[in-house]
N, C-alpha and C. Protein backbone atom coordinates (compact mmCIF):
# COMPACT_ATOMS: atom_id res chain seq x y z
N MET A 1 -17.83 14.60 -15.80
CA MET A 1 -17.55 13.20 -15.52
C MET A 1 -18.52 12.67 -14.48
N SER A 2 -18.67 11.37 -14.46
CA SER A 2 -19.62 10.75 -13.55
C SER A 2 -19.18 10.89 -12.10
N GLN A 3 -20.17 11.23 -11.24
CA GLN A 3 -19.89 11.34 -9.83
C GLN A 3 -19.66 9.97 -9.19
N SER A 4 -19.99 8.90 -9.91
CA SER A 4 -19.88 7.57 -9.33
C SER A 4 -18.46 7.02 -9.37
N LYS A 5 -17.56 7.70 -10.04
CA LYS A 5 -16.19 7.20 -10.10
C LYS A 5 -15.56 7.23 -8.71
N PRO A 6 -14.83 6.18 -8.36
CA PRO A 6 -14.21 6.17 -7.03
C PRO A 6 -13.13 7.24 -6.91
N GLU A 7 -12.88 7.64 -5.67
CA GLU A 7 -11.80 8.59 -5.43
C GLU A 7 -10.46 7.86 -5.38
N LEU A 8 -9.40 8.56 -5.74
CA LEU A 8 -8.05 8.03 -5.61
C LEU A 8 -7.52 8.35 -4.22
N ILE A 9 -6.82 7.40 -3.63
CA ILE A 9 -6.29 7.54 -2.27
C ILE A 9 -4.77 7.58 -2.31
N GLU A 10 -4.20 8.52 -1.58
CA GLU A 10 -2.77 8.47 -1.26
C GLU A 10 -2.64 8.61 0.26
N THR A 11 -1.90 7.70 0.88
CA THR A 11 -1.67 7.75 2.31
C THR A 11 -0.18 7.94 2.53
N LEU A 12 0.20 9.07 3.10
CA LEU A 12 1.60 9.47 3.20
C LEU A 12 2.06 9.48 4.65
N ARG A 13 3.32 9.16 4.86
CA ARG A 13 3.94 9.32 6.17
C ARG A 13 4.62 10.69 6.22
N VAL A 14 4.35 11.40 7.29
CA VAL A 14 5.02 12.67 7.56
C VAL A 14 5.88 12.45 8.80
N ASP A 15 7.17 12.62 8.68
CA ASP A 15 8.07 12.41 9.81
C ASP A 15 7.90 13.51 10.85
N ALA A 16 8.44 13.26 12.04
CA ALA A 16 8.29 14.23 13.14
C ALA A 16 8.89 15.59 12.80
N ASP A 17 9.88 15.61 11.89
CA ASP A 17 10.48 16.89 11.50
C ASP A 17 9.74 17.56 10.35
N GLY A 18 8.61 16.97 9.93
CA GLY A 18 7.80 17.55 8.87
C GLY A 18 8.15 17.09 7.47
N GLN A 19 9.17 16.27 7.33
CA GLN A 19 9.57 15.78 6.01
C GLN A 19 8.62 14.67 5.54
N ILE A 20 8.38 14.61 4.22
CA ILE A 20 7.58 13.55 3.60
C ILE A 20 8.49 12.83 2.62
N PRO A 21 9.14 11.74 3.06
CA PRO A 21 10.21 11.13 2.26
C PRO A 21 9.79 10.67 0.87
N LEU A 22 8.55 10.21 0.72
CA LEU A 22 8.13 9.60 -0.54
C LEU A 22 7.17 10.50 -1.34
N LEU A 23 7.19 11.79 -1.07
CA LEU A 23 6.20 12.70 -1.68
C LEU A 23 6.21 12.63 -3.20
N GLU A 24 7.39 12.66 -3.81
CA GLU A 24 7.47 12.67 -5.27
C GLU A 24 6.87 11.40 -5.87
N LEU A 25 7.10 10.26 -5.22
CA LEU A 25 6.54 9.01 -5.72
C LEU A 25 5.02 8.97 -5.56
N HIS A 26 4.51 9.56 -4.48
CA HIS A 26 3.05 9.67 -4.32
C HIS A 26 2.45 10.51 -5.45
N LEU A 27 3.08 11.65 -5.74
CA LEU A 27 2.59 12.52 -6.81
C LEU A 27 2.63 11.81 -8.16
N GLU A 28 3.71 11.07 -8.41
CA GLU A 28 3.81 10.34 -9.67
C GLU A 28 2.70 9.30 -9.80
N ARG A 29 2.41 8.60 -8.69
CA ARG A 29 1.40 7.54 -8.77
C ARG A 29 0.00 8.11 -9.00
N VAL A 30 -0.37 9.14 -8.26
CA VAL A 30 -1.72 9.67 -8.43
C VAL A 30 -1.87 10.32 -9.81
N ALA A 31 -0.84 10.96 -10.31
CA ALA A 31 -0.90 11.55 -11.65
C ALA A 31 -1.04 10.45 -12.71
N ARG A 32 -0.32 9.34 -12.52
CA ARG A 32 -0.41 8.22 -13.46
C ARG A 32 -1.81 7.60 -13.45
N SER A 33 -2.38 7.43 -12.25
CA SER A 33 -3.73 6.89 -12.17
C SER A 33 -4.74 7.81 -12.83
N CYS A 34 -4.58 9.11 -12.63
CA CYS A 34 -5.49 10.06 -13.28
C CYS A 34 -5.41 9.94 -14.79
N ALA A 35 -4.21 9.81 -15.32
CA ALA A 35 -4.03 9.70 -16.77
C ALA A 35 -4.66 8.41 -17.29
N GLU A 36 -4.46 7.30 -16.57
CA GLU A 36 -4.96 6.01 -17.04
C GLU A 36 -6.46 5.87 -16.87
N LEU A 37 -7.02 6.51 -15.85
CA LEU A 37 -8.45 6.38 -15.57
C LEU A 37 -9.29 7.52 -16.14
N GLY A 38 -8.65 8.52 -16.72
CA GLY A 38 -9.38 9.64 -17.31
C GLY A 38 -9.87 10.65 -16.30
N TYR A 39 -9.16 10.80 -15.18
CA TYR A 39 -9.51 11.78 -14.16
C TYR A 39 -8.80 13.10 -14.47
N ASP A 40 -9.43 14.21 -14.08
CA ASP A 40 -8.75 15.49 -14.15
C ASP A 40 -7.66 15.52 -13.07
N TRP A 41 -6.55 16.19 -13.36
CA TRP A 41 -5.44 16.22 -12.41
C TRP A 41 -4.86 17.62 -12.33
N ASP A 42 -4.64 18.08 -11.11
CA ASP A 42 -3.99 19.36 -10.87
C ASP A 42 -3.14 19.23 -9.61
N ALA A 43 -1.85 19.17 -9.79
CA ALA A 43 -0.95 18.95 -8.66
C ALA A 43 -1.04 20.07 -7.63
N GLN A 44 -1.25 21.29 -8.08
CA GLN A 44 -1.31 22.42 -7.14
C GLN A 44 -2.50 22.27 -6.18
N THR A 45 -3.64 21.84 -6.70
CA THR A 45 -4.82 21.64 -5.85
C THR A 45 -4.57 20.53 -4.84
N TRP A 46 -3.93 19.45 -5.29
CA TRP A 46 -3.61 18.33 -4.41
C TRP A 46 -2.66 18.76 -3.29
N LEU A 47 -1.61 19.49 -3.65
CA LEU A 47 -0.63 19.95 -2.67
C LEU A 47 -1.22 20.98 -1.72
N GLN A 48 -2.12 21.81 -2.23
CA GLN A 48 -2.76 22.81 -1.36
C GLN A 48 -3.58 22.12 -0.26
N ALA A 49 -4.31 21.08 -0.64
CA ALA A 49 -5.07 20.32 0.36
C ALA A 49 -4.13 19.65 1.36
N MET A 50 -3.01 19.15 0.88
CA MET A 50 -2.03 18.52 1.76
C MET A 50 -1.50 19.52 2.80
N HIS A 51 -1.09 20.69 2.33
CA HIS A 51 -0.53 21.69 3.25
C HIS A 51 -1.58 22.21 4.23
N GLN A 52 -2.82 22.33 3.78
CA GLN A 52 -3.88 22.77 4.68
C GLN A 52 -4.09 21.76 5.81
N ALA A 53 -4.09 20.48 5.47
CA ALA A 53 -4.26 19.45 6.50
C ALA A 53 -3.08 19.43 7.46
N LEU A 54 -1.88 19.59 6.94
CA LEU A 54 -0.71 19.58 7.81
C LEU A 54 -0.68 20.80 8.73
N GLY A 55 -1.23 21.91 8.26
CA GLY A 55 -1.28 23.10 9.09
C GLY A 55 -2.20 22.96 10.29
N GLN A 56 -3.13 22.02 10.21
CA GLN A 56 -4.08 21.79 11.30
C GLN A 56 -3.69 20.59 12.17
N ALA A 57 -2.58 19.94 11.83
CA ALA A 57 -2.18 18.71 12.53
C ALA A 57 -1.19 19.00 13.65
N PRO A 58 -1.06 18.10 14.61
CA PRO A 58 -0.06 18.27 15.67
C PRO A 58 1.35 18.34 15.09
N ALA A 59 2.19 19.13 15.72
CA ALA A 59 3.57 19.29 15.26
C ALA A 59 4.50 18.34 16.01
N HIS A 60 5.66 18.09 15.42
CA HIS A 60 6.75 17.34 16.06
C HIS A 60 6.36 15.91 16.42
N THR A 61 5.53 15.29 15.61
CA THR A 61 5.17 13.90 15.80
C THR A 61 4.91 13.28 14.43
N PRO A 62 5.22 12.00 14.23
CA PRO A 62 4.90 11.36 12.94
C PRO A 62 3.40 11.39 12.67
N LEU A 63 3.05 11.60 11.41
CA LEU A 63 1.65 11.73 11.03
C LEU A 63 1.28 10.76 9.91
N ARG A 64 0.02 10.37 9.90
CA ARG A 64 -0.59 9.65 8.80
C ARG A 64 -1.44 10.66 8.04
N LEU A 65 -1.07 10.95 6.80
CA LEU A 65 -1.75 11.95 5.98
C LEU A 65 -2.48 11.22 4.85
N ARG A 66 -3.79 11.36 4.82
CA ARG A 66 -4.60 10.68 3.80
C ARG A 66 -5.24 11.74 2.89
N ILE A 67 -5.04 11.58 1.59
CA ILE A 67 -5.58 12.54 0.62
C ILE A 67 -6.46 11.80 -0.37
N LEU A 68 -7.70 12.25 -0.50
CA LEU A 68 -8.64 11.70 -1.48
C LEU A 68 -8.74 12.67 -2.65
N TRP A 69 -8.71 12.11 -3.86
CA TRP A 69 -8.76 12.92 -5.08
C TRP A 69 -9.91 12.44 -5.95
N SER A 70 -10.79 13.35 -6.34
CA SER A 70 -11.95 12.97 -7.14
C SER A 70 -11.65 13.10 -8.63
N ALA A 71 -12.51 12.49 -9.43
CA ALA A 71 -12.36 12.58 -10.88
C ALA A 71 -12.52 13.99 -11.39
N GLN A 72 -13.15 14.85 -10.58
CA GLN A 72 -13.38 16.25 -10.97
C GLN A 72 -12.31 17.20 -10.43
N ALA A 73 -11.18 16.65 -9.99
CA ALA A 73 -10.03 17.44 -9.55
C ALA A 73 -10.27 18.20 -8.26
N SER A 74 -10.94 17.58 -7.30
CA SER A 74 -11.06 18.15 -5.96
C SER A 74 -10.37 17.22 -4.98
N ALA A 75 -9.84 17.81 -3.91
CA ALA A 75 -9.07 17.03 -2.95
C ALA A 75 -9.59 17.24 -1.54
N HIS A 76 -9.50 16.18 -0.74
CA HIS A 76 -9.80 16.26 0.69
C HIS A 76 -8.68 15.55 1.42
N ALA A 77 -8.09 16.23 2.39
CA ALA A 77 -6.94 15.68 3.11
C ALA A 77 -7.17 15.73 4.61
N GLN A 78 -6.64 14.74 5.30
CA GLN A 78 -6.75 14.68 6.75
C GLN A 78 -5.47 14.08 7.32
N ALA A 79 -4.95 14.68 8.38
CA ALA A 79 -3.72 14.20 9.01
C ALA A 79 -3.99 13.89 10.48
N GLN A 80 -3.40 12.79 10.95
CA GLN A 80 -3.54 12.42 12.35
C GLN A 80 -2.27 11.74 12.83
N PRO A 81 -2.02 11.74 14.14
CA PRO A 81 -0.79 11.12 14.65
C PRO A 81 -0.68 9.65 14.25
N LEU A 82 0.54 9.22 13.99
CA LEU A 82 0.81 7.84 13.59
C LEU A 82 1.49 7.13 14.76
N PRO A 83 0.81 6.20 15.42
CA PRO A 83 1.42 5.52 16.56
C PRO A 83 2.54 4.59 16.13
N ALA A 84 3.47 4.35 17.05
CA ALA A 84 4.56 3.41 16.78
C ALA A 84 4.01 2.00 16.67
N LEU A 85 4.77 1.15 15.97
CA LEU A 85 4.33 -0.22 15.74
C LEU A 85 5.49 -1.17 16.02
N GLU A 86 5.26 -2.16 16.85
CA GLU A 86 6.30 -3.13 17.19
C GLU A 86 6.36 -4.25 16.13
N GLY A 87 7.56 -4.68 15.79
CA GLY A 87 7.71 -5.78 14.86
C GLY A 87 8.25 -7.01 15.55
N PRO A 88 8.34 -8.15 14.86
CA PRO A 88 7.93 -8.34 13.47
C PRO A 88 6.41 -8.32 13.32
N LEU A 89 5.95 -7.92 12.15
CA LEU A 89 4.52 -7.76 11.90
C LEU A 89 3.91 -9.10 11.51
N GLN A 90 2.76 -9.41 12.07
CA GLN A 90 2.12 -10.69 11.81
C GLN A 90 1.20 -10.62 10.59
N LEU A 91 1.30 -11.65 9.76
CA LEU A 91 0.51 -11.74 8.53
C LEU A 91 -0.24 -13.06 8.52
N CYS A 92 -1.35 -13.09 7.79
CA CYS A 92 -2.01 -14.36 7.51
C CYS A 92 -2.42 -14.38 6.04
N LEU A 93 -2.76 -15.55 5.54
CA LEU A 93 -3.17 -15.71 4.14
C LEU A 93 -4.67 -15.56 4.00
N SER A 94 -5.10 -14.93 2.92
CA SER A 94 -6.52 -14.84 2.61
C SER A 94 -6.99 -16.14 1.96
N PRO A 95 -8.15 -16.66 2.37
CA PRO A 95 -8.69 -17.85 1.71
C PRO A 95 -9.31 -17.54 0.34
N THR A 96 -9.49 -16.25 0.05
CA THR A 96 -10.14 -15.83 -1.19
C THR A 96 -9.11 -15.20 -2.13
N PRO A 97 -8.95 -15.70 -3.36
CA PRO A 97 -7.97 -15.10 -4.27
C PRO A 97 -8.44 -13.73 -4.79
N LEU A 98 -7.47 -12.95 -5.23
CA LEU A 98 -7.81 -11.69 -5.87
C LEU A 98 -8.46 -11.96 -7.23
N PRO A 99 -9.38 -11.10 -7.65
CA PRO A 99 -10.01 -11.30 -8.97
C PRO A 99 -8.99 -11.12 -10.08
N ALA A 100 -9.14 -11.87 -11.12
CA ALA A 100 -8.18 -11.81 -12.23
C ALA A 100 -8.38 -10.55 -13.07
N LEU A 101 -7.32 -9.80 -13.22
CA LEU A 101 -7.26 -8.68 -14.17
C LEU A 101 -8.35 -7.64 -13.98
N ASP A 102 -8.71 -7.33 -12.74
CA ASP A 102 -9.60 -6.19 -12.51
C ASP A 102 -8.78 -4.92 -12.71
N PRO A 103 -9.20 -4.00 -13.61
CA PRO A 103 -8.37 -2.84 -13.92
C PRO A 103 -8.10 -1.92 -12.74
N LEU A 104 -8.94 -1.97 -11.71
CA LEU A 104 -8.73 -1.08 -10.57
C LEU A 104 -7.77 -1.65 -9.53
N LEU A 105 -7.35 -2.90 -9.70
CA LEU A 105 -6.41 -3.48 -8.75
C LEU A 105 -5.08 -2.72 -8.72
N SER A 106 -4.68 -2.17 -9.85
CA SER A 106 -3.39 -1.48 -9.91
C SER A 106 -3.50 0.00 -9.57
N HIS A 107 -4.67 0.43 -9.08
CA HIS A 107 -4.87 1.82 -8.65
C HIS A 107 -5.39 1.83 -7.22
N LYS A 108 -4.93 2.80 -6.43
CA LYS A 108 -5.37 2.89 -5.04
C LYS A 108 -6.61 3.79 -5.00
N THR A 109 -7.78 3.16 -4.88
CA THR A 109 -9.04 3.90 -4.93
C THR A 109 -9.93 3.50 -3.75
N THR A 110 -11.03 4.22 -3.61
CA THR A 110 -12.01 3.90 -2.57
C THR A 110 -12.87 2.69 -2.95
N HIS A 111 -12.71 2.18 -4.17
CA HIS A 111 -13.42 0.96 -4.60
C HIS A 111 -12.53 -0.24 -4.30
N ARG A 112 -12.79 -0.90 -3.17
CA ARG A 112 -11.93 -1.99 -2.71
C ARG A 112 -12.76 -3.17 -2.23
N PRO A 113 -13.70 -3.68 -3.02
CA PRO A 113 -14.57 -4.75 -2.52
C PRO A 113 -13.81 -6.03 -2.20
N TRP A 114 -12.70 -6.28 -2.91
CA TRP A 114 -11.94 -7.52 -2.69
C TRP A 114 -11.23 -7.53 -1.34
N TYR A 115 -11.18 -6.38 -0.65
CA TYR A 115 -10.50 -6.31 0.64
C TYR A 115 -11.46 -6.24 1.82
N GLN A 116 -12.76 -6.35 1.58
CA GLN A 116 -13.73 -6.23 2.67
C GLN A 116 -13.54 -7.33 3.72
N GLU A 117 -13.38 -8.58 3.27
CA GLU A 117 -13.18 -9.67 4.21
C GLU A 117 -11.89 -9.47 5.00
N ALA A 118 -10.85 -9.02 4.33
CA ALA A 118 -9.57 -8.79 5.01
C ALA A 118 -9.71 -7.70 6.07
N SER A 119 -10.41 -6.63 5.74
CA SER A 119 -10.60 -5.54 6.70
C SER A 119 -11.33 -6.03 7.94
N ALA A 120 -12.36 -6.87 7.75
CA ALA A 120 -13.10 -7.41 8.88
C ALA A 120 -12.20 -8.31 9.73
N LEU A 121 -11.38 -9.14 9.06
CA LEU A 121 -10.48 -10.03 9.78
C LEU A 121 -9.46 -9.25 10.59
N LEU A 122 -8.91 -8.19 10.03
CA LEU A 122 -7.93 -7.38 10.74
C LEU A 122 -8.56 -6.66 11.93
N GLU A 123 -9.80 -6.24 11.77
CA GLU A 123 -10.49 -5.58 12.87
C GLU A 123 -10.73 -6.57 14.02
N GLN A 124 -11.04 -7.81 13.69
CA GLN A 124 -11.30 -8.83 14.70
C GLN A 124 -10.02 -9.37 15.33
N ASN A 125 -8.89 -9.20 14.66
CA ASN A 125 -7.61 -9.73 15.14
C ASN A 125 -6.56 -8.61 15.12
N PRO A 126 -6.58 -7.73 16.12
CA PRO A 126 -5.70 -6.55 16.09
C PRO A 126 -4.21 -6.88 16.14
N GLN A 127 -3.88 -8.14 16.51
CA GLN A 127 -2.47 -8.52 16.51
C GLN A 127 -1.93 -8.70 15.10
N LEU A 128 -2.83 -8.85 14.12
CA LEU A 128 -2.42 -9.00 12.72
C LEU A 128 -2.16 -7.64 12.09
N PHE A 129 -1.12 -7.57 11.27
CA PHE A 129 -0.86 -6.35 10.53
C PHE A 129 -1.53 -6.37 9.17
N ASP A 130 -1.54 -7.55 8.50
CA ASP A 130 -2.10 -7.58 7.15
C ASP A 130 -2.50 -8.99 6.75
N VAL A 131 -3.33 -9.04 5.70
CA VAL A 131 -3.78 -10.28 5.09
C VAL A 131 -3.16 -10.35 3.69
N ILE A 132 -2.47 -11.44 3.39
CA ILE A 132 -1.77 -11.60 2.13
C ILE A 132 -2.63 -12.37 1.14
N PHE A 133 -2.72 -11.86 -0.09
CA PHE A 133 -3.57 -12.44 -1.12
C PHE A 133 -2.75 -13.20 -2.16
N LEU A 134 -3.36 -14.25 -2.68
CA LEU A 134 -2.86 -14.97 -3.84
C LEU A 134 -3.77 -14.66 -5.02
N ASP A 135 -3.30 -14.95 -6.24
CA ASP A 135 -4.19 -14.85 -7.39
C ASP A 135 -4.83 -16.21 -7.66
N THR A 136 -5.59 -16.30 -8.73
CA THR A 136 -6.30 -17.55 -9.02
C THR A 136 -5.36 -18.67 -9.44
N GLN A 137 -4.09 -18.36 -9.70
CA GLN A 137 -3.09 -19.37 -10.04
C GLN A 137 -2.14 -19.66 -8.87
N ASN A 138 -2.55 -19.23 -7.69
CA ASN A 138 -1.79 -19.50 -6.46
C ASN A 138 -0.44 -18.79 -6.42
N ARG A 139 -0.36 -17.65 -7.10
CA ARG A 139 0.84 -16.82 -7.01
C ARG A 139 0.60 -15.73 -5.97
N VAL A 140 1.66 -15.37 -5.25
CA VAL A 140 1.56 -14.33 -4.23
C VAL A 140 1.38 -12.98 -4.91
N CYS A 141 0.44 -12.18 -4.40
CA CYS A 141 0.17 -10.86 -4.97
C CYS A 141 0.62 -9.74 -4.03
N GLU A 142 -0.15 -9.51 -2.97
CA GLU A 142 0.10 -8.38 -2.09
C GLU A 142 -0.77 -8.54 -0.85
N GLY A 143 -0.57 -7.65 0.11
CA GLY A 143 -1.46 -7.57 1.25
C GLY A 143 -2.52 -6.51 1.03
N SER A 144 -3.51 -6.48 1.91
CA SER A 144 -4.57 -5.48 1.77
C SER A 144 -4.08 -4.08 2.07
N ARG A 145 -2.93 -3.97 2.75
CA ARG A 145 -2.39 -2.65 3.07
C ARG A 145 -0.86 -2.58 2.87
N SER A 146 -0.29 -3.58 2.22
CA SER A 146 1.17 -3.59 2.06
C SER A 146 1.58 -4.45 0.87
N ASN A 147 2.80 -4.23 0.41
CA ASN A 147 3.44 -5.13 -0.55
C ASN A 147 4.31 -6.11 0.23
N ILE A 148 4.56 -7.27 -0.36
CA ILE A 148 5.25 -8.33 0.34
C ILE A 148 6.54 -8.72 -0.38
N TYR A 149 7.53 -9.19 0.41
CA TYR A 149 8.85 -9.54 -0.10
C TYR A 149 9.31 -10.82 0.58
N ILE A 150 10.08 -11.64 -0.15
CA ILE A 150 10.72 -12.79 0.46
C ILE A 150 12.23 -12.71 0.18
N GLN A 151 12.99 -13.28 1.09
CA GLN A 151 14.45 -13.32 0.94
C GLN A 151 14.88 -14.71 0.51
N ASP A 152 15.77 -14.78 -0.48
CA ASP A 152 16.25 -16.09 -0.93
C ASP A 152 17.52 -16.48 -0.16
N GLU A 153 18.09 -17.64 -0.52
CA GLU A 153 19.24 -18.16 0.21
C GLU A 153 20.50 -17.31 0.01
N GLN A 154 20.52 -16.51 -1.04
CA GLN A 154 21.66 -15.61 -1.28
C GLN A 154 21.49 -14.26 -0.57
N GLY A 155 20.38 -14.09 0.12
CA GLY A 155 20.14 -12.84 0.84
C GLY A 155 19.46 -11.77 0.01
N LEU A 156 19.04 -12.10 -1.22
CA LEU A 156 18.36 -11.12 -2.08
C LEU A 156 16.88 -11.07 -1.74
N TRP A 157 16.29 -9.89 -1.88
CA TRP A 157 14.87 -9.69 -1.59
C TRP A 157 14.08 -9.58 -2.89
N TRP A 158 12.93 -10.28 -2.94
CA TRP A 158 12.11 -10.35 -4.15
C TRP A 158 10.67 -9.99 -3.81
N THR A 159 10.03 -9.31 -4.75
CA THR A 159 8.63 -8.93 -4.60
C THR A 159 7.88 -9.25 -5.90
N PRO A 160 6.60 -9.60 -5.82
CA PRO A 160 5.87 -9.93 -7.05
C PRO A 160 5.84 -8.75 -8.03
N PRO A 161 5.90 -9.03 -9.33
CA PRO A 161 5.83 -7.96 -10.34
C PRO A 161 4.42 -7.40 -10.43
N ALA A 162 4.33 -6.16 -10.84
CA ALA A 162 3.03 -5.51 -11.03
C ALA A 162 2.54 -5.81 -12.44
N HIS A 163 1.59 -6.73 -12.56
CA HIS A 163 1.07 -7.13 -13.86
C HIS A 163 -0.38 -6.74 -14.03
N GLY A 164 -0.79 -5.62 -13.42
CA GLY A 164 -2.17 -5.18 -13.55
C GLY A 164 -3.08 -5.71 -12.47
N TRP A 165 -2.57 -6.62 -11.60
CA TRP A 165 -3.39 -7.11 -10.50
C TRP A 165 -2.71 -6.86 -9.17
N LEU A 166 -1.83 -5.87 -9.13
CA LEU A 166 -1.10 -5.55 -7.92
C LEU A 166 -0.93 -4.04 -7.83
N LEU A 167 -1.15 -3.49 -6.63
CA LEU A 167 -0.97 -2.06 -6.43
C LEU A 167 0.52 -1.75 -6.28
N PRO A 168 1.09 -0.97 -7.16
CA PRO A 168 2.51 -0.63 -7.04
C PRO A 168 2.73 0.41 -5.94
N GLY A 169 3.05 -0.07 -4.75
CA GLY A 169 3.24 0.83 -3.61
C GLY A 169 4.41 1.78 -3.82
N VAL A 170 4.33 2.94 -3.20
CA VAL A 170 5.41 3.92 -3.37
C VAL A 170 6.66 3.49 -2.61
N GLN A 171 6.51 2.87 -1.44
CA GLN A 171 7.69 2.35 -0.74
C GLN A 171 8.31 1.21 -1.54
N ARG A 172 7.46 0.38 -2.14
CA ARG A 172 7.95 -0.68 -3.02
C ARG A 172 8.77 -0.09 -4.16
N GLN A 173 8.25 0.98 -4.78
CA GLN A 173 8.97 1.60 -5.89
C GLN A 173 10.31 2.16 -5.44
N ALA A 174 10.35 2.75 -4.25
CA ALA A 174 11.61 3.27 -3.73
C ALA A 174 12.63 2.15 -3.52
N LEU A 175 12.17 1.00 -3.04
CA LEU A 175 13.06 -0.15 -2.84
C LEU A 175 13.57 -0.69 -4.17
N LEU A 176 12.69 -0.76 -5.18
CA LEU A 176 13.11 -1.19 -6.51
C LEU A 176 14.10 -0.20 -7.12
N ASN A 177 13.81 1.08 -6.97
CA ASN A 177 14.69 2.11 -7.53
C ASN A 177 16.10 2.04 -6.94
N SER A 178 16.17 1.70 -5.66
CA SER A 178 17.46 1.66 -4.96
C SER A 178 18.19 0.34 -5.13
N GLY A 179 17.51 -0.66 -5.72
CA GLY A 179 18.12 -1.97 -5.90
C GLY A 179 18.06 -2.86 -4.68
N LEU A 180 17.36 -2.44 -3.64
CA LEU A 180 17.25 -3.26 -2.44
C LEU A 180 16.30 -4.43 -2.63
N ALA A 181 15.40 -4.32 -3.60
CA ALA A 181 14.47 -5.41 -3.92
C ALA A 181 14.37 -5.54 -5.44
N ARG A 182 13.99 -6.76 -5.87
CA ARG A 182 13.82 -7.04 -7.29
C ARG A 182 12.48 -7.75 -7.49
N GLU A 183 12.02 -7.76 -8.74
CA GLU A 183 10.73 -8.38 -9.05
C GLU A 183 10.89 -9.80 -9.58
N THR A 184 10.01 -10.68 -9.13
CA THR A 184 9.88 -12.01 -9.70
C THR A 184 8.56 -12.61 -9.24
N GLU A 185 8.03 -13.54 -10.00
CA GLU A 185 6.83 -14.24 -9.55
C GLU A 185 7.17 -15.10 -8.33
N ILE A 186 6.28 -15.08 -7.35
CA ILE A 186 6.50 -15.81 -6.10
C ILE A 186 5.35 -16.78 -5.90
N SER A 187 5.67 -18.05 -5.78
CA SER A 187 4.65 -19.06 -5.54
C SER A 187 4.31 -19.13 -4.06
N LEU A 188 3.18 -19.76 -3.76
CA LEU A 188 2.82 -19.95 -2.36
C LEU A 188 3.89 -20.78 -1.65
N ASP A 189 4.41 -21.79 -2.32
CA ASP A 189 5.45 -22.62 -1.71
C ASP A 189 6.69 -21.80 -1.38
N ALA A 190 7.06 -20.88 -2.28
CA ALA A 190 8.23 -20.03 -2.03
C ALA A 190 7.99 -19.13 -0.82
N LEU A 191 6.78 -18.63 -0.68
CA LEU A 191 6.46 -17.80 0.48
C LEU A 191 6.55 -18.61 1.77
N LEU A 192 5.97 -19.80 1.75
CA LEU A 192 5.94 -20.62 2.96
C LEU A 192 7.33 -21.08 3.38
N ASN A 193 8.25 -21.17 2.42
CA ASN A 193 9.59 -21.66 2.71
C ASN A 193 10.67 -20.57 2.62
N ALA A 194 10.25 -19.32 2.63
CA ALA A 194 11.19 -18.21 2.49
C ALA A 194 12.13 -18.13 3.69
N ARG A 195 13.35 -17.71 3.42
CA ARG A 195 14.33 -17.51 4.48
C ARG A 195 13.87 -16.41 5.44
N ALA A 196 13.24 -15.38 4.89
CA ALA A 196 12.69 -14.29 5.70
C ALA A 196 11.62 -13.59 4.88
N ILE A 197 10.73 -12.88 5.57
CA ILE A 197 9.63 -12.17 4.93
C ILE A 197 9.64 -10.72 5.42
N ARG A 198 9.33 -9.82 4.53
CA ARG A 198 9.12 -8.42 4.90
C ARG A 198 7.88 -7.90 4.18
N VAL A 199 7.34 -6.82 4.70
CA VAL A 199 6.27 -6.09 4.03
C VAL A 199 6.65 -4.61 4.02
N SER A 200 6.03 -3.88 3.11
CA SER A 200 6.29 -2.43 3.06
C SER A 200 5.03 -1.68 2.72
N ASN A 201 4.94 -0.48 3.25
CA ASN A 201 4.00 0.52 2.75
C ASN A 201 4.55 1.90 3.11
N ALA A 202 3.89 2.92 2.62
CA ALA A 202 4.42 4.27 2.80
C ALA A 202 4.43 4.70 4.26
N LEU A 203 3.49 4.20 5.06
CA LEU A 203 3.42 4.60 6.46
C LEU A 203 4.48 3.92 7.32
N ARG A 204 4.72 2.66 7.07
CA ARG A 204 5.55 1.87 7.97
C ARG A 204 6.92 1.50 7.41
N GLY A 205 7.21 1.91 6.19
CA GLY A 205 8.51 1.58 5.62
C GLY A 205 8.60 0.11 5.23
N TRP A 206 9.77 -0.48 5.47
CA TRP A 206 10.08 -1.86 5.08
C TRP A 206 10.37 -2.63 6.36
N GLN A 207 9.47 -3.53 6.75
CA GLN A 207 9.58 -4.14 8.06
C GLN A 207 9.57 -5.66 8.00
N ASP A 208 10.28 -6.27 8.96
CA ASP A 208 10.25 -7.73 9.10
C ASP A 208 8.85 -8.20 9.46
N ALA A 209 8.49 -9.38 8.93
CA ALA A 209 7.15 -9.92 9.17
C ALA A 209 7.23 -11.42 9.30
N LEU A 210 6.18 -12.01 9.83
CA LEU A 210 6.09 -13.47 9.91
C LEU A 210 4.66 -13.88 9.57
N LEU A 211 4.57 -15.06 8.97
CA LEU A 211 3.28 -15.59 8.54
C LEU A 211 2.74 -16.51 9.63
N VAL A 212 1.52 -16.25 10.08
CA VAL A 212 0.89 -17.11 11.08
C VAL A 212 -0.22 -17.90 10.39
N GLN A 213 -0.33 -19.14 10.74
CA GLN A 213 -1.28 -20.03 10.07
C GLN A 213 -2.72 -19.81 10.53
N ASP A 214 -2.89 -19.49 11.82
CA ASP A 214 -4.22 -19.35 12.37
C ASP A 214 -4.31 -18.05 13.16
N PRO A 215 -4.91 -17.01 12.60
CA PRO A 215 -4.96 -15.71 13.29
C PRO A 215 -5.71 -15.75 14.60
N ALA A 216 -6.60 -16.72 14.79
CA ALA A 216 -7.35 -16.82 16.03
C ALA A 216 -6.45 -17.29 17.17
């Protein structure tokens, strides 16, 4: 296979007691991406790299574990301490919409050109947690590092559906599986007028957030 294919990324939270709450969902996602993208897949090799990285990491503290998987079935993993984060988390809107129907949008890979501006903005504004993207039809999609949810007047939580232009996060999937969140299309107006906002990812769980108009 071509060496130019991007690597698949999984970023896992490891609790202070060594547990990885979403491990099975991470394995399901990377295996699904391998099948859809034509990558070789071997769960044992992936898990071996994970355990090797954890064996070299500090004990008794939450960790951020990042695993890269190549199309040729090789893995590289690295674990480092995960600092605490105070909420509510601040978000801003991206002025640039996500590209329509790019096949890699629904896979977590090292090919992320649509998030370059967001990464620069977050680096310049450390008080921000994430940048929220819309599609070309002004529908809410996701953040550069999280999925987004709004609460309606009945107290129900809603997140945009995965239609090929959204990364299906593992924490998002856990929330859908448990019935704590449901899928529906979310307009920009619905986001701006939501009763409450939350974001989720595997590292930080499901956290309260607020939208700020001007990150500066």
